[in-house]
């Protein structure tokens, strides 16, 4: 290739370069690119927080990994939470045992819905046992009070019956003495005493 041909080729390259630059300047490039698929940006980050603190024991994902809903990301160890869970679990075990013991005694002993004092001996929970014994003690106290009231009521009924008989007898005597006093056969003081006795007995009946 001679010098003239070389210069001519150089001029063509320069001309094409200038033409491309000019076309690039005037051609408008769309800012929106249409396409299909999933786009993940660098700013697509999610902050993960815990309701209770703890120490991260294991991490199952690496930075930049794509995760799905429900996927296990990390394992957190919280000793306080574990102790609290274990305490509640132990308490539940005790309560289940108490309920089973009480249910067994109720089914075995009677249909009244009450546990007898003999039945409390098989209970392992001292607090439950003490509460049942307290209830039995209160029941016995109420029964003794009821017996005392029944006896008192019976005594008052007998007293009332006696006073009513006495009142009826005084009323009969007053009715007999009244015409005798008017005729002067019986003294008025005797009639007055019966009258006062009648008023007194009637007042005693009202107080019963």
N, C-alpha and C. Protein backbone atom coordinates (compact mmCIF):
# COMPACT_ATOMS: atom_id res chain seq x y z
N UNK A 1 0.87 -1.18 0.00
CA UNK A 1 0.00 0.00 0.00
C UNK A 1 0.91 1.24 0.00
N UNK A 2 0.69 2.18 -0.98
CA UNK A 2 1.51 3.39 -1.05
C UNK A 2 0.99 4.42 -0.10
N UNK A 3 1.68 5.49 0.00
CA UNK A 3 1.36 6.55 0.96
C UNK A 3 0.01 7.18 0.64
N UNK A 4 -0.30 7.29 -0.60
CA UNK A 4 -1.55 7.94 -1.00
C UNK A 4 -2.74 7.10 -0.55
N UNK A 5 -2.65 5.80 -0.75
CA UNK A 5 -3.74 4.91 -0.32
C UNK A 5 -3.88 4.91 1.21
N UNK A 6 -2.75 4.97 1.88
CA UNK A 6 -2.77 5.00 3.34
C UNK A 6 -3.44 6.26 3.86
N UNK A 7 -3.15 7.37 3.24
CA UNK A 7 -3.78 8.64 3.66
C UNK A 7 -5.27 8.60 3.38
N UNK A 8 -5.65 7.98 2.27
CA UNK A 8 -7.06 7.90 1.90
C UNK A 8 -7.84 7.04 2.92
N UNK A 9 -7.25 5.92 3.37
CA UNK A 9 -7.87 5.04 4.37
C UNK A 9 -8.01 5.75 5.71
N UNK A 10 -7.00 6.52 6.06
CA UNK A 10 -7.03 7.27 7.32
C UNK A 10 -8.16 8.28 7.32
N UNK A 11 -8.37 8.94 6.16
CA UNK A 11 -9.42 9.94 6.03
C UNK A 11 -10.79 9.28 6.18
N UNK A 12 -10.94 8.06 5.65
CA UNK A 12 -12.23 7.35 5.77
C UNK A 12 -12.53 7.02 7.23
N UNK A 13 -11.50 6.53 7.94
CA UNK A 13 -11.68 6.17 9.36
C UNK A 13 -12.06 7.39 10.18
N UNK A 14 -11.36 8.51 9.94
CA UNK A 14 -11.64 9.75 10.68
C UNK A 14 -13.05 10.22 10.38
N UNK A 15 -13.46 10.12 9.12
CA UNK A 15 -14.80 10.58 8.72
C UNK A 15 -15.88 9.74 9.40
N UNK A 16 -15.67 8.40 9.43
CA UNK A 16 -16.65 7.52 10.08
C UNK A 16 -16.74 7.79 11.59
N UNK A 17 -15.58 8.06 12.18
CA UNK A 17 -15.57 8.36 13.63
C UNK A 17 -16.35 9.62 13.93
N UNK A 18 -16.11 10.67 13.10
CA UNK A 18 -16.83 11.94 13.30
C UNK A 18 -18.32 11.74 13.09
N UNK A 19 -18.69 10.92 12.09
CA UNK A 19 -20.09 10.67 11.81
C UNK A 19 -20.78 9.95 12.98
N UNK A 20 -20.07 8.97 13.56
CA UNK A 20 -20.64 8.24 14.71
C UNK A 20 -20.85 9.17 15.90
N UNK A 21 -19.87 10.07 16.13
CA UNK A 21 -19.99 11.02 17.25
C UNK A 21 -21.18 11.93 17.03
N UNK A 22 -21.36 12.40 15.80
CA UNK A 22 -22.47 13.31 15.49
C UNK A 22 -23.81 12.60 15.67
N UNK A 23 -23.90 11.35 15.18
CA UNK A 23 -25.15 10.58 15.31
C UNK A 23 -25.48 10.30 16.78
N UNK A 24 -24.44 10.00 17.53
CA UNK A 24 -24.66 9.74 18.97
C UNK A 24 -25.20 10.97 19.68
N UNK A 25 -24.80 12.10 19.29
CA UNK A 25 -25.24 13.35 19.91
C UNK A 25 -26.70 13.63 19.64
N UNK A 26 -27.15 13.32 18.41
CA UNK A 26 -28.50 13.66 18.01
C UNK A 26 -29.52 12.57 18.30
N UNK A 27 -29.09 11.32 18.46
CA UNK A 27 -30.04 10.22 18.72
C UNK A 27 -30.44 10.22 20.20
N UNK A 28 -31.79 10.16 20.52
CA UNK A 28 -32.32 10.14 21.90
C UNK A 28 -32.40 8.71 22.40
N UNK A 29 -31.82 8.44 23.57
CA UNK A 29 -31.83 7.11 24.18
C UNK A 29 -32.94 7.06 25.23
N UNK A 30 -33.80 6.06 25.17
CA UNK A 30 -34.90 5.92 26.13
C UNK A 30 -34.36 5.64 27.53
N UNK A 31 -34.95 6.31 28.54
CA UNK A 31 -34.53 6.10 29.93
C UNK A 31 -35.15 4.86 30.54
N UNK A 32 -36.22 4.34 29.92
CA UNK A 32 -36.91 3.15 30.43
C UNK A 32 -36.63 1.99 29.50
N UNK A 33 -36.14 0.91 30.10
CA UNK A 33 -35.85 -0.30 29.32
C UNK A 33 -36.88 -1.35 29.68
N UNK A 34 -37.60 -1.85 28.72
CA UNK A 34 -38.64 -2.86 28.95
C UNK A 34 -38.04 -4.25 28.88
N UNK A 35 -38.52 -5.12 29.77
CA UNK A 35 -38.02 -6.49 29.76
C UNK A 35 -38.78 -7.34 30.75
N UNK A 36 -38.48 -8.59 30.87
CA UNK A 36 -39.12 -9.53 31.78
C UNK A 36 -38.09 -10.15 32.71
N UNK A 37 -38.53 -10.47 33.96
CA UNK A 37 -37.62 -11.08 34.90
C UNK A 37 -37.71 -10.43 36.27
N UNK A 38 -36.84 -10.80 37.20
CA UNK A 38 -36.79 -10.27 38.57
C UNK A 38 -35.58 -9.37 38.70
N UNK A 39 -35.82 -8.15 39.17
CA UNK A 39 -34.74 -7.18 39.34
C UNK A 39 -34.42 -7.05 40.82
N UNK A 40 -33.20 -7.22 41.21
CA UNK A 40 -32.74 -7.05 42.59
C UNK A 40 -31.72 -5.93 42.62
N UNK A 41 -32.04 -4.88 43.39
CA UNK A 41 -31.14 -3.73 43.47
C UNK A 41 -30.22 -3.86 44.67
N UNK A 42 -29.19 -3.06 44.69
CA UNK A 42 -28.24 -3.08 45.80
C UNK A 42 -28.87 -2.55 47.09
N UNK A 43 -29.89 -1.68 46.95
CA UNK A 43 -30.54 -1.09 48.12
C UNK A 43 -31.66 -1.95 48.68
N UNK A 44 -31.89 -3.11 48.10
CA UNK A 44 -32.98 -3.98 48.56
C UNK A 44 -32.53 -4.74 49.81
N UNK A 45 -32.56 -4.03 50.94
CA UNK A 45 -32.10 -4.59 52.21
C UNK A 45 -33.23 -4.58 53.22
N UNK A 46 -33.25 -5.53 54.14
CA UNK A 46 -34.28 -5.63 55.15
C UNK A 46 -33.63 -5.75 56.53
N UNK A 47 -34.05 -4.87 57.43
CA UNK A 47 -33.50 -4.89 58.79
C UNK A 47 -34.26 -5.92 59.62
N UNK A 48 -33.53 -6.83 60.23
CA UNK A 48 -34.13 -7.89 61.06
C UNK A 48 -33.88 -7.56 62.52
N UNK A 49 -34.96 -7.56 63.31
CA UNK A 49 -34.83 -7.27 64.74
C UNK A 49 -35.50 -8.38 65.54
N UNK A 50 -35.10 -8.54 66.78
CA UNK A 50 -35.63 -9.59 67.66
C UNK A 50 -36.43 -8.96 68.77
N UNK A 51 -37.54 -9.62 69.15
CA UNK A 51 -38.36 -9.11 70.25
C UNK A 51 -37.62 -9.20 71.58
N UNK A 52 -36.75 -10.21 71.71
CA UNK A 52 -35.92 -10.37 72.90
C UNK A 52 -34.49 -10.63 72.47
N UNK A 53 -33.56 -10.09 73.23
CA UNK A 53 -32.16 -10.20 72.87
C UNK A 53 -31.63 -11.61 72.98
N UNK A 54 -30.42 -11.80 72.53
CA UNK A 54 -29.81 -13.11 72.59
C UNK A 54 -28.50 -13.13 71.83
N UNK A 55 -27.88 -14.29 71.80
CA UNK A 55 -26.60 -14.47 71.10
C UNK A 55 -26.84 -15.31 69.85
N UNK A 56 -26.32 -14.81 68.70
CA UNK A 56 -26.47 -15.55 67.45
C UNK A 56 -25.52 -16.74 67.47
N UNK A 57 -26.09 -17.93 67.39
CA UNK A 57 -25.28 -19.16 67.44
C UNK A 57 -24.88 -19.62 66.04
N UNK A 58 -25.81 -19.60 65.11
CA UNK A 58 -25.54 -20.04 63.73
C UNK A 58 -26.20 -19.10 62.75
N UNK A 59 -25.53 -18.87 61.59
CA UNK A 59 -26.08 -18.10 60.49
C UNK A 59 -26.14 -19.01 59.27
N UNK A 60 -27.32 -19.11 58.66
CA UNK A 60 -27.54 -20.07 57.58
C UNK A 60 -27.54 -19.43 56.19
N UNK A 61 -27.34 -18.12 56.10
CA UNK A 61 -27.28 -17.44 54.80
C UNK A 61 -26.04 -16.57 54.76
N UNK A 62 -25.58 -16.28 53.54
CA UNK A 62 -24.42 -15.41 53.35
C UNK A 62 -24.89 -14.07 52.80
N UNK A 63 -24.04 -13.07 52.92
CA UNK A 63 -24.36 -11.73 52.42
C UNK A 63 -24.59 -11.78 50.92
N UNK A 64 -25.70 -11.20 50.48
CA UNK A 64 -26.04 -11.18 49.06
C UNK A 64 -26.93 -12.32 48.63
N UNK A 65 -27.20 -13.30 49.53
CA UNK A 65 -28.07 -14.42 49.16
C UNK A 65 -29.52 -13.96 49.04
N UNK A 66 -30.24 -14.57 48.14
CA UNK A 66 -31.67 -14.32 48.00
C UNK A 66 -32.42 -15.33 48.87
N UNK A 67 -33.31 -14.81 49.73
CA UNK A 67 -34.04 -15.68 50.66
C UNK A 67 -35.53 -15.61 50.37
N UNK A 68 -36.23 -16.64 50.83
CA UNK A 68 -37.67 -16.72 50.66
C UNK A 68 -38.37 -16.58 52.01
N UNK A 69 -39.64 -16.28 51.95
CA UNK A 69 -40.44 -16.15 53.16
C UNK A 69 -40.48 -17.47 53.91
N UNK A 70 -40.21 -17.41 55.20
CA UNK A 70 -40.23 -18.60 56.04
C UNK A 70 -38.91 -19.34 56.11
N UNK A 71 -37.92 -18.88 55.35
CA UNK A 71 -36.62 -19.56 55.36
C UNK A 71 -35.85 -19.21 56.62
N UNK A 72 -35.21 -20.20 57.24
CA UNK A 72 -34.43 -20.00 58.45
C UNK A 72 -33.14 -19.26 58.12
N UNK A 73 -32.96 -18.09 58.75
CA UNK A 73 -31.79 -17.26 58.47
C UNK A 73 -30.68 -17.48 59.49
N UNK A 74 -31.07 -17.55 60.76
CA UNK A 74 -30.06 -17.68 61.81
C UNK A 74 -30.70 -18.31 63.04
N UNK A 75 -29.86 -18.80 63.94
CA UNK A 75 -30.31 -19.39 65.20
C UNK A 75 -29.79 -18.53 66.33
N UNK A 76 -30.73 -18.04 67.16
CA UNK A 76 -30.39 -17.15 68.27
C UNK A 76 -30.60 -17.90 69.58
N UNK A 77 -29.64 -17.80 70.47
CA UNK A 77 -29.71 -18.45 71.78
C UNK A 77 -29.93 -17.38 72.85
N UNK A 78 -31.02 -17.53 73.63
CA UNK A 78 -31.33 -16.62 74.73
C UNK A 78 -31.47 -17.46 76.00
N UNK A 79 -30.47 -17.40 76.87
CA UNK A 79 -30.47 -18.24 78.07
C UNK A 79 -31.61 -17.88 79.01
N UNK A 80 -31.90 -16.57 79.15
CA UNK A 80 -32.99 -16.15 80.03
C UNK A 80 -34.33 -16.69 79.52
N UNK A 81 -34.51 -16.63 78.20
CA UNK A 81 -35.75 -17.12 77.61
C UNK A 81 -35.87 -18.63 77.78
N UNK A 82 -34.76 -19.33 77.65
CA UNK A 82 -34.78 -20.78 77.83
C UNK A 82 -35.11 -21.15 79.28
N UNK A 83 -34.53 -20.40 80.23
CA UNK A 83 -34.82 -20.66 81.64
C UNK A 83 -36.29 -20.39 81.95
N UNK A 84 -36.83 -19.30 81.37
CA UNK A 84 -38.24 -18.97 81.59
C UNK A 84 -39.15 -20.05 81.01
N UNK A 85 -38.80 -20.52 79.82
CA UNK A 85 -39.58 -21.60 79.19
C UNK A 85 -39.53 -22.87 80.03
N UNK A 86 -38.35 -23.20 80.53
CA UNK A 86 -38.20 -24.40 81.34
C UNK A 86 -38.98 -24.29 82.64
N UNK A 87 -39.00 -23.07 83.23
CA UNK A 87 -39.75 -22.86 84.47
C UNK A 87 -41.24 -23.05 84.24
N UNK A 88 -41.75 -22.47 83.15
CA UNK A 88 -43.17 -22.62 82.84
C UNK A 88 -43.52 -24.08 82.53
N UNK A 89 -42.60 -24.75 81.87
CA UNK A 89 -42.84 -26.15 81.54
C UNK A 89 -42.89 -27.01 82.81
N UNK A 90 -42.00 -26.71 83.76
CA UNK A 90 -42.00 -27.44 85.04
C UNK A 90 -43.28 -27.17 85.82
N UNK A 91 -43.71 -25.89 85.85
CA UNK A 91 -44.94 -25.54 86.55
C UNK A 91 -46.14 -26.25 85.93
N UNK A 92 -46.16 -26.32 84.61
CA UNK A 92 -47.25 -27.01 83.93
C UNK A 92 -47.28 -28.49 84.32
N UNK A 93 -46.08 -29.09 84.45
CA UNK A 93 -46.02 -30.49 84.86
C UNK A 93 -46.60 -30.70 86.25
N UNK A 94 -46.28 -29.79 87.18
CA UNK A 94 -46.83 -29.88 88.54
C UNK A 94 -48.35 -29.73 88.52
N UNK A 95 -48.84 -28.74 87.75
CA UNK A 95 -50.28 -28.50 87.70
C UNK A 95 -51.01 -29.69 87.08
N UNK A 96 -50.44 -30.25 86.03
CA UNK A 96 -51.05 -31.43 85.41
C UNK A 96 -51.14 -32.58 86.42
N UNK A 97 -50.09 -32.75 87.21
CA UNK A 97 -50.07 -33.81 88.22
C UNK A 97 -51.14 -33.58 89.27
N UNK A 98 -51.27 -32.31 89.74
CA UNK A 98 -52.29 -31.99 90.74
C UNK A 98 -53.69 -32.25 90.21
N UNK A 99 -53.94 -31.81 88.98
CA UNK A 99 -55.26 -32.00 88.37
C UNK A 99 -55.59 -33.48 88.23
N UNK A 100 -54.62 -34.26 87.80
CA UNK A 100 -54.84 -35.70 87.64
C UNK A 100 -55.13 -36.37 88.98
N UNK A 101 -54.40 -35.97 90.03
CA UNK A 101 -54.61 -36.56 91.35
C UNK A 101 -56.01 -36.23 91.88
N UNK A 102 -56.39 -34.95 91.75
CA UNK A 102 -57.70 -34.52 92.24
C UNK A 102 -58.82 -35.19 91.45
N UNK A 103 -58.66 -35.26 90.14
CA UNK A 103 -59.68 -35.90 89.30
C UNK A 103 -59.82 -37.38 89.66
N UNK A 104 -58.71 -38.04 89.94
CA UNK A 104 -58.75 -39.46 90.30
C UNK A 104 -59.49 -39.67 91.62
N UNK A 105 -59.21 -38.80 92.60
CA UNK A 105 -59.86 -38.93 93.91
C UNK A 105 -61.36 -38.67 93.79
N UNK A 106 -61.74 -37.63 93.02
CA UNK A 106 -63.16 -37.31 92.86
C UNK A 106 -63.91 -38.45 92.17
N UNK A 107 -63.30 -39.04 91.17
CA UNK A 107 -63.95 -40.14 90.46
C UNK A 107 -64.04 -41.39 91.33
N UNK A 108 -63.07 -41.57 92.21
CA UNK A 108 -62.98 -42.80 93.00
C UNK A 108 -63.87 -42.77 94.23
N UNK A 109 -63.93 -41.63 94.92
CA UNK A 109 -64.52 -41.60 96.25
C UNK A 109 -66.02 -41.36 96.28
N UNK A 110 -66.49 -40.28 95.67
CA UNK A 110 -67.90 -39.95 95.84
C UNK A 110 -68.40 -39.16 94.65
N UNK A 111 -69.70 -38.90 94.68
CA UNK A 111 -70.35 -38.14 93.61
C UNK A 111 -70.75 -36.74 94.09
N UNK A 112 -70.33 -36.35 95.27
CA UNK A 112 -70.72 -35.05 95.82
C UNK A 112 -69.86 -33.91 95.30
N UNK A 113 -68.74 -34.22 94.67
CA UNK A 113 -67.85 -33.17 94.18
C UNK A 113 -66.88 -32.68 95.23
N UNK A 114 -66.83 -33.35 96.40
CA UNK A 114 -65.93 -32.96 97.48
C UNK A 114 -64.91 -34.07 97.73
N UNK A 115 -63.71 -33.65 98.07
CA UNK A 115 -62.65 -34.61 98.42
C UNK A 115 -62.65 -34.79 99.93
N UNK A 116 -62.71 -36.04 100.39
CA UNK A 116 -62.71 -36.31 101.82
C UNK A 116 -61.31 -36.09 102.39
N UNK A 117 -61.26 -35.97 103.72
CA UNK A 117 -59.97 -35.78 104.38
C UNK A 117 -59.06 -36.99 104.16
N UNK A 118 -59.66 -38.17 104.11
CA UNK A 118 -58.85 -39.36 103.83
C UNK A 118 -58.24 -39.29 102.43
N UNK A 119 -58.98 -38.70 101.51
CA UNK A 119 -58.49 -38.59 100.14
C UNK A 119 -57.33 -37.63 100.00
N UNK A 120 -57.26 -36.63 100.89
CA UNK A 120 -56.18 -35.64 100.80
C UNK A 120 -54.82 -36.24 101.13
N UNK A 121 -54.79 -37.37 101.80
CA UNK A 121 -53.51 -37.97 102.18
C UNK A 121 -52.70 -38.40 100.96
N UNK A 122 -53.38 -38.68 99.87
CA UNK A 122 -52.67 -39.13 98.66
C UNK A 122 -52.22 -37.97 97.78
N UNK A 123 -52.55 -36.73 98.18
CA UNK A 123 -52.14 -35.57 97.39
C UNK A 123 -50.70 -35.21 97.71
N UNK A 124 -49.92 -34.92 96.68
CA UNK A 124 -48.51 -34.56 96.87
C UNK A 124 -48.30 -33.07 97.03
N UNK A 125 -49.25 -32.26 96.55
CA UNK A 125 -49.14 -30.81 96.64
C UNK A 125 -49.64 -30.35 98.01
N UNK A 126 -48.73 -29.86 98.84
CA UNK A 126 -49.09 -29.46 100.21
C UNK A 126 -50.04 -28.27 100.23
N UNK A 127 -49.87 -27.36 99.28
CA UNK A 127 -50.74 -26.18 99.24
C UNK A 127 -52.18 -26.57 98.92
N UNK A 128 -52.35 -27.43 97.93
CA UNK A 128 -53.68 -27.90 97.57
C UNK A 128 -54.29 -28.68 98.73
N UNK A 129 -53.48 -29.51 99.37
CA UNK A 129 -53.94 -30.30 100.51
C UNK A 129 -54.40 -29.39 101.65
N UNK A 130 -53.63 -28.33 101.93
CA UNK A 130 -53.99 -27.40 103.01
C UNK A 130 -55.28 -26.66 102.68
N UNK A 131 -55.46 -26.28 101.42
CA UNK A 131 -56.68 -25.57 101.02
C UNK A 131 -57.91 -26.46 101.17
N UNK A 132 -57.78 -27.74 100.80
CA UNK A 132 -58.90 -28.67 100.94
C UNK A 132 -59.24 -28.88 102.41
N UNK A 133 -58.21 -29.03 103.25
CA UNK A 133 -58.45 -29.20 104.69
C UNK A 133 -59.11 -27.96 105.29
N UNK A 134 -58.72 -26.77 104.80
CA UNK A 134 -59.35 -25.53 105.27
C UNK A 134 -60.83 -25.51 104.90
N UNK A 135 -61.15 -25.93 103.69
CA UNK A 135 -62.55 -25.97 103.26
C UNK A 135 -63.35 -26.94 104.13
N UNK A 136 -62.78 -28.09 104.43
CA UNK A 136 -63.46 -29.06 105.30
C UNK A 136 -63.66 -28.49 106.70
N UNK A 137 -62.67 -27.75 107.19
CA UNK A 137 -62.80 -27.14 108.50
C UNK A 137 -63.92 -26.10 108.51
N UNK A 138 -64.01 -25.31 107.44
CA UNK A 138 -65.08 -24.32 107.34
C UNK A 138 -66.45 -25.00 107.24
N UNK A 139 -66.50 -26.11 106.52
CA UNK A 139 -67.77 -26.84 106.40
C UNK A 139 -68.21 -27.38 107.76
N UNK A 140 -67.26 -27.94 108.53
CA UNK A 140 -67.59 -28.46 109.87
C UNK A 140 -68.08 -27.33 110.77
N UNK A 141 -67.43 -26.17 110.69
CA UNK A 141 -67.85 -25.03 111.51
C UNK A 141 -69.27 -24.60 111.15
N UNK A 142 -69.59 -24.58 109.86
CA UNK A 142 -70.94 -24.21 109.42
C UNK A 142 -71.96 -25.24 109.89
N UNK A 143 -71.59 -26.52 109.84
CA UNK A 143 -72.50 -27.57 110.28
C UNK A 143 -72.79 -27.46 111.77
N UNK A 144 -71.74 -27.18 112.57
CA UNK A 144 -71.93 -27.01 114.02
C UNK A 144 -72.82 -25.80 114.31
N UNK A 145 -72.61 -24.72 113.55
CA UNK A 145 -73.42 -23.52 113.75
C UNK A 145 -74.87 -23.81 113.37
N UNK A 146 -75.07 -24.56 112.31
CA UNK A 146 -76.43 -24.92 111.88
C UNK A 146 -77.11 -25.79 112.94
N UNK A 147 -76.36 -26.75 113.50
CA UNK A 147 -76.92 -27.60 114.55
C UNK A 147 -77.33 -26.77 115.77
N UNK A 148 -76.46 -25.81 116.12
CA UNK A 148 -76.77 -24.93 117.26
C UNK A 148 -78.01 -24.09 116.99
N UNK A 149 -78.11 -23.57 115.76
CA UNK A 149 -79.28 -22.76 115.41
C UNK A 149 -80.55 -23.61 115.39
N UNK A 150 -80.43 -24.84 114.88
CA UNK A 150 -81.60 -25.73 114.88
C UNK A 150 -82.08 -26.01 116.30
N UNK A 151 -81.12 -26.22 117.21
CA UNK A 151 -81.47 -26.47 118.61
C UNK A 151 -82.12 -25.23 119.23
N UNK A 152 -81.57 -24.07 118.89
CA UNK A 152 -82.13 -22.82 119.43
C UNK A 152 -83.54 -22.58 118.90
N UNK A 153 -83.73 -22.86 117.61
CA UNK A 153 -85.06 -22.68 117.01
C UNK A 153 -86.06 -23.64 117.65
N UNK A 154 -85.62 -24.87 117.89
CA UNK A 154 -86.50 -25.86 118.52
C UNK A 154 -86.90 -25.40 119.93
N UNK A 155 -85.92 -24.86 120.68
CA UNK A 155 -86.22 -24.37 122.02
C UNK A 155 -87.18 -23.19 122.00
N UNK A 156 -87.01 -22.29 121.04
CA UNK A 156 -87.90 -21.14 120.92
C UNK A 156 -89.32 -21.57 120.54
N UNK A 157 -89.41 -22.59 119.69
CA UNK A 157 -90.73 -23.09 119.30
C UNK A 157 -91.46 -23.69 120.50
N UNK A 158 -90.72 -24.44 121.33
CA UNK A 158 -91.32 -25.01 122.54
C UNK A 158 -91.76 -23.90 123.50
N UNK A 159 -90.90 -22.88 123.64
CA UNK A 159 -91.23 -21.77 124.53
C UNK A 159 -92.45 -21.02 124.02
N UNK A 160 -92.51 -20.82 122.68
CA UNK A 160 -93.65 -20.12 122.09
C UNK A 160 -94.94 -20.90 122.31
N UNK A 161 -94.85 -22.21 122.13
CA UNK A 161 -96.04 -23.05 122.32
C UNK A 161 -96.52 -22.99 123.77
N UNK A 162 -95.56 -22.98 124.71
CA UNK A 162 -95.92 -22.91 126.13
C UNK A 162 -96.57 -21.57 126.47
N UNK A 163 -96.02 -20.48 125.93
CA UNK A 163 -96.56 -19.15 126.20
C UNK A 163 -97.95 -18.99 125.57
N UNK A 164 -98.15 -19.57 124.40
CA UNK A 164 -99.46 -19.47 123.75
C UNK A 164 -100.52 -20.21 124.58
N UNK A 165 -100.13 -21.35 125.15
CA UNK A 165 -101.06 -22.09 126.02
C UNK A 165 -101.37 -21.28 127.27
N UNK A 166 -100.32 -20.66 127.83
CA UNK A 166 -100.51 -19.83 129.03
C UNK A 166 -101.40 -18.63 128.72
N UNK A 167 -101.20 -18.02 127.55
CA UNK A 167 -102.00 -16.87 127.15
C UNK A 167 -103.47 -17.28 126.96
N UNK A 168 -103.68 -18.44 126.37
CA UNK A 168 -105.05 -18.92 126.16
C UNK A 168 -105.74 -19.18 127.50
N UNK A 169 -105.00 -19.73 128.48
CA UNK A 169 -105.56 -20.00 129.80
C UNK A 169 -105.91 -18.70 130.52
N UNK A 170 -105.03 -17.69 130.44
CA UNK A 170 -105.30 -16.39 131.06
C UNK A 170 -106.51 -15.71 130.41
N UNK A 171 -106.59 -15.83 129.08
CA UNK A 171 -107.74 -15.24 128.39
C UNK A 171 -109.05 -15.88 128.85
N UNK A 172 -109.01 -17.20 129.05
CA UNK A 172 -110.20 -17.91 129.51
C UNK A 172 -110.57 -17.49 130.93
N UNK A 173 -109.57 -17.34 131.82
CA UNK A 173 -109.82 -16.91 133.20
C UNK A 173 -110.38 -15.49 133.24
N UNK A 174 -109.85 -14.62 132.37
CA UNK A 174 -110.33 -13.23 132.33
C UNK A 174 -111.80 -13.20 131.90
N UNK A 175 -112.14 -14.02 130.93
CA UNK A 175 -113.53 -14.06 130.47
C UNK A 175 -114.47 -14.58 131.56
N UNK A 176 -113.96 -15.48 132.41
CA UNK A 176 -114.77 -16.01 133.50
C UNK A 176 -114.91 -14.98 134.62
N UNK A 177 -113.80 -14.28 134.96
CA UNK A 177 -113.81 -13.33 136.07
C UNK A 177 -114.56 -12.05 135.74
N UNK A 178 -114.60 -11.67 134.49
CA UNK A 178 -115.20 -10.38 134.12
C UNK A 178 -116.65 -10.25 134.61
N UNK A 179 -117.54 -11.20 134.35
CA UNK A 179 -118.92 -11.04 134.85
C UNK A 179 -119.02 -11.19 136.38
N UNK A 180 -118.13 -11.99 136.97
CA UNK A 180 -118.14 -12.16 138.42
C UNK A 180 -117.74 -10.87 139.13
N UNK A 181 -116.79 -10.13 138.56
CA UNK A 181 -116.37 -8.85 139.15
C UNK A 181 -117.50 -7.85 139.07
N UNK A 182 -118.22 -7.84 137.94
CA UNK A 182 -119.32 -6.90 137.77
C UNK A 182 -120.44 -7.17 138.79
N UNK A 183 -120.63 -8.44 139.16
CA UNK A 183 -121.67 -8.81 140.13
C UNK A 183 -121.17 -8.70 141.57
N UNK A 184 -119.86 -8.44 141.75
CA UNK A 184 -119.29 -8.30 143.09
C UNK A 184 -118.98 -9.61 143.75
N UNK A 185 -119.02 -10.68 142.98
CA UNK A 185 -118.74 -11.99 143.53
C UNK A 185 -117.24 -12.21 143.69
N UNK A 186 -116.44 -11.73 142.71
CA UNK A 186 -114.98 -11.90 142.74
C UNK A 186 -114.32 -10.54 142.90
N UNK A 187 -113.21 -10.46 143.67
CA UNK A 187 -112.55 -9.17 143.86
C UNK A 187 -111.92 -8.64 142.55
N UNK A 188 -111.93 -7.32 142.45
CA UNK A 188 -111.40 -6.68 141.22
C UNK A 188 -109.89 -6.86 141.11
N UNK A 189 -109.20 -6.92 142.26
CA UNK A 189 -107.73 -7.07 142.23
C UNK A 189 -107.31 -8.38 141.55
N UNK A 190 -108.09 -9.43 141.78
CA UNK A 190 -107.78 -10.71 141.14
C UNK A 190 -107.93 -10.61 139.61
N UNK A 191 -108.99 -9.92 139.19
CA UNK A 191 -109.22 -9.71 137.75
C UNK A 191 -108.11 -8.86 137.14
N UNK A 192 -107.67 -7.82 137.91
CA UNK A 192 -106.62 -6.93 137.41
C UNK A 192 -105.29 -7.67 137.28
N UNK A 193 -104.99 -8.55 138.22
CA UNK A 193 -103.75 -9.35 138.15
C UNK A 193 -103.73 -10.25 136.91
N UNK A 194 -104.87 -10.87 136.63
CA UNK A 194 -104.96 -11.73 135.45
C UNK A 194 -104.79 -10.91 134.16
N UNK A 195 -105.36 -9.72 134.19
CA UNK A 195 -105.26 -8.84 133.02
C UNK A 195 -103.81 -8.43 132.77
N UNK A 196 -103.10 -8.06 133.84
CA UNK A 196 -101.69 -7.68 133.72
C UNK A 196 -100.82 -8.86 133.29
N UNK A 197 -101.12 -10.05 133.81
CA UNK A 197 -100.38 -11.25 133.43
C UNK A 197 -100.60 -11.56 131.94
N UNK A 198 -101.83 -11.34 131.47
CA UNK A 198 -102.14 -11.57 130.05
C UNK A 198 -101.32 -10.63 129.15
N UNK A 199 -101.26 -9.36 129.55
CA UNK A 199 -100.49 -8.37 128.75
C UNK A 199 -99.01 -8.72 128.73
N UNK A 200 -98.48 -9.18 129.89
CA UNK A 200 -97.07 -9.54 129.99
C UNK A 200 -96.73 -10.74 129.09
N UNK A 201 -97.56 -11.78 129.14
CA UNK A 201 -97.31 -12.98 128.33
C UNK A 201 -97.41 -12.66 126.84
N UNK A 202 -98.36 -11.82 126.47
CA UNK A 202 -98.51 -11.43 125.07
C UNK A 202 -97.29 -10.67 124.57
N UNK A 203 -96.72 -9.83 125.45
CA UNK A 203 -95.51 -9.09 125.11
C UNK A 203 -94.32 -10.04 124.94
N UNK A 204 -94.25 -11.06 125.82
CA UNK A 204 -93.17 -12.05 125.72
C UNK A 204 -93.27 -12.85 124.41
N UNK A 205 -94.49 -13.14 124.00
CA UNK A 205 -94.68 -13.86 122.73
C UNK A 205 -94.20 -13.01 121.56
N UNK A 206 -94.47 -11.74 121.60
CA UNK A 206 -94.03 -10.84 120.52
C UNK A 206 -92.51 -10.73 120.45
N UNK A 207 -91.86 -10.92 121.61
CA UNK A 207 -90.39 -10.82 121.65
C UNK A 207 -89.69 -12.10 121.17
N UNK A 208 -90.42 -13.19 121.13
CA UNK A 208 -89.81 -14.46 120.71
C UNK A 208 -89.52 -14.44 119.21
